[in-house]
């Protein structure tokens, strides 16, 4: 998988973790990577995305 894709996926996951820890249960993510949005919406884990 492309290194930039991995970096973008990791950034989104880490941001979501931080939001969850701060008590936010709903967040809006803006991203222009259609494949990454599809993966997030279909519930794949970060480890599956960044392999």
C-alpha atoms as a PDB file:
ATOM      1  CA  UNK A   1       0.000   0.000   0.000  1.00  0.00           C
ATOM      2  CA  UNK A   2       1.176   3.515  -0.757  1.00  0.00           C
ATOM      3  CA  UNK A   3       3.150   5.160   2.073  1.00  0.00           C
ATOM      4  CA  UNK A   4       1.136   8.402   1.858  1.00  0.00           C
ATOM      5  CA  UNK A   5      -2.073   6.391   2.196  1.00  0.00           C
ATOM      6  CA  UNK A   6      -0.698   4.736   5.345  1.00  0.00           C
ATOM      7  CA  UNK A   7       0.260   8.098   6.833  1.00  0.00           C
ATOM      8  CA  UNK A   8      -3.151   9.604   6.100  1.00  0.00           C
ATOM      9  CA  UNK A   9      -4.938   6.551   7.531  1.00  0.00           C
ATOM     10  CA  UNK A  10      -2.826   6.630  10.701  1.00  0.00           C
ATOM     11  CA  UNK A  11      -3.482  10.373  11.148  1.00  0.00           C
ATOM     12  CA  UNK A  12      -7.238   9.878  10.892  1.00  0.00           C
ATOM     13  CA  UNK A  13      -7.218   6.931  13.300  1.00  0.00           C
ATOM     14  CA  UNK A  14      -5.066   8.769  15.843  1.00  0.00           C
ATOM     15  CA  UNK A  15      -7.307  11.828  15.580  1.00  0.00           C
ATOM     16  CA  UNK A  16     -10.383   9.676  16.142  1.00  0.00           C
ATOM     17  CA  UNK A  17      -8.743   8.048  19.195  1.00  0.00           C
ATOM     18  CA  UNK A  18      -7.935  11.479  20.637  1.00  0.00           C
ATOM     19  CA  UNK A  19     -11.492  12.702  20.057  1.00  0.00           C
ATOM     20  CA  UNK A  20     -12.874   9.576  21.760  1.00  0.00           C
ATOM     21  CA  UNK A  21     -10.577  10.042  24.765  1.00  0.00           C
ATOM     22  CA  UNK A  22     -11.737  13.657  25.075  1.00  0.00           C
ATOM     23  CA  UNK A  23     -15.356  12.495  25.185  1.00  0.00           C
ATOM     24  CA  UNK A  24     -16.471  13.168  21.624  1.00  0.00           C
ATOM     25  CA  UNK A  25     -18.550  10.270  20.313  1.00  0.00           C
ATOM     26  CA  UNK A  26     -19.430  11.787  16.937  1.00  0.00           C
ATOM     27  CA  UNK A  27     -16.925  13.499  14.697  1.00  0.00           C
ATOM     28  CA  UNK A  28     -16.857  14.686  11.119  1.00  0.00           C
ATOM     29  CA  UNK A  29     -13.825  13.776   9.034  1.00  0.00           C
ATOM     30  CA  UNK A  30     -12.956  15.679   5.865  1.00  0.00           C
ATOM     31  CA  UNK A  31     -10.813  13.677   3.479  1.00  0.00           C
ATOM     32  CA  UNK A  32     -10.422  13.604  -0.293  1.00  0.00           C
ATOM     33  CA  UNK A  33      -9.194   9.993  -0.381  1.00  0.00           C
ATOM     34  CA  UNK A  34     -12.231   7.980  -1.546  1.00  0.00           C
ATOM     35  CA  UNK A  35     -10.584   4.616  -0.865  1.00  0.00           C
ATOM     36  CA  UNK A  36      -9.721   5.600   2.717  1.00  0.00           C
ATOM     37  CA  UNK A  37     -13.271   6.861   3.386  1.00  0.00           C
ATOM     38  CA  UNK A  38     -14.658   3.587   2.018  1.00  0.00           C
ATOM     39  CA  UNK A  39     -12.377   1.585   4.317  1.00  0.00           C
ATOM     40  CA  UNK A  40     -13.382   3.672   7.349  1.00  0.00           C
ATOM     41  CA  UNK A  41     -17.087   3.362   6.553  1.00  0.00           C
ATOM     42  CA  UNK A  42     -16.809  -0.398   6.127  1.00  0.00           C
ATOM     43  CA  UNK A  43     -15.141  -0.853   9.518  1.00  0.00           C
ATOM     44  CA  UNK A  44     -11.690  -2.178   8.666  1.00  0.00           C
ATOM     45  CA  UNK A  45      -9.147  -1.892  11.462  1.00  0.00           C
ATOM     46  CA  UNK A  46      -6.138   0.386  11.291  1.00  0.00           C
ATOM     47  CA  UNK A  47      -3.847  -2.633  11.175  1.00  0.00           C
ATOM     48  CA  UNK A  48      -5.666  -3.908   8.083  1.00  0.00           C
ATOM     49  CA  UNK A  49      -5.410  -0.489   6.429  1.00  0.00           C
ATOM     50  CA  UNK A  50      -1.718   0.080   7.121  1.00  0.00           C
ATOM     51  CA  UNK A  51      -0.370  -3.354   6.258  1.00  0.00           C
END
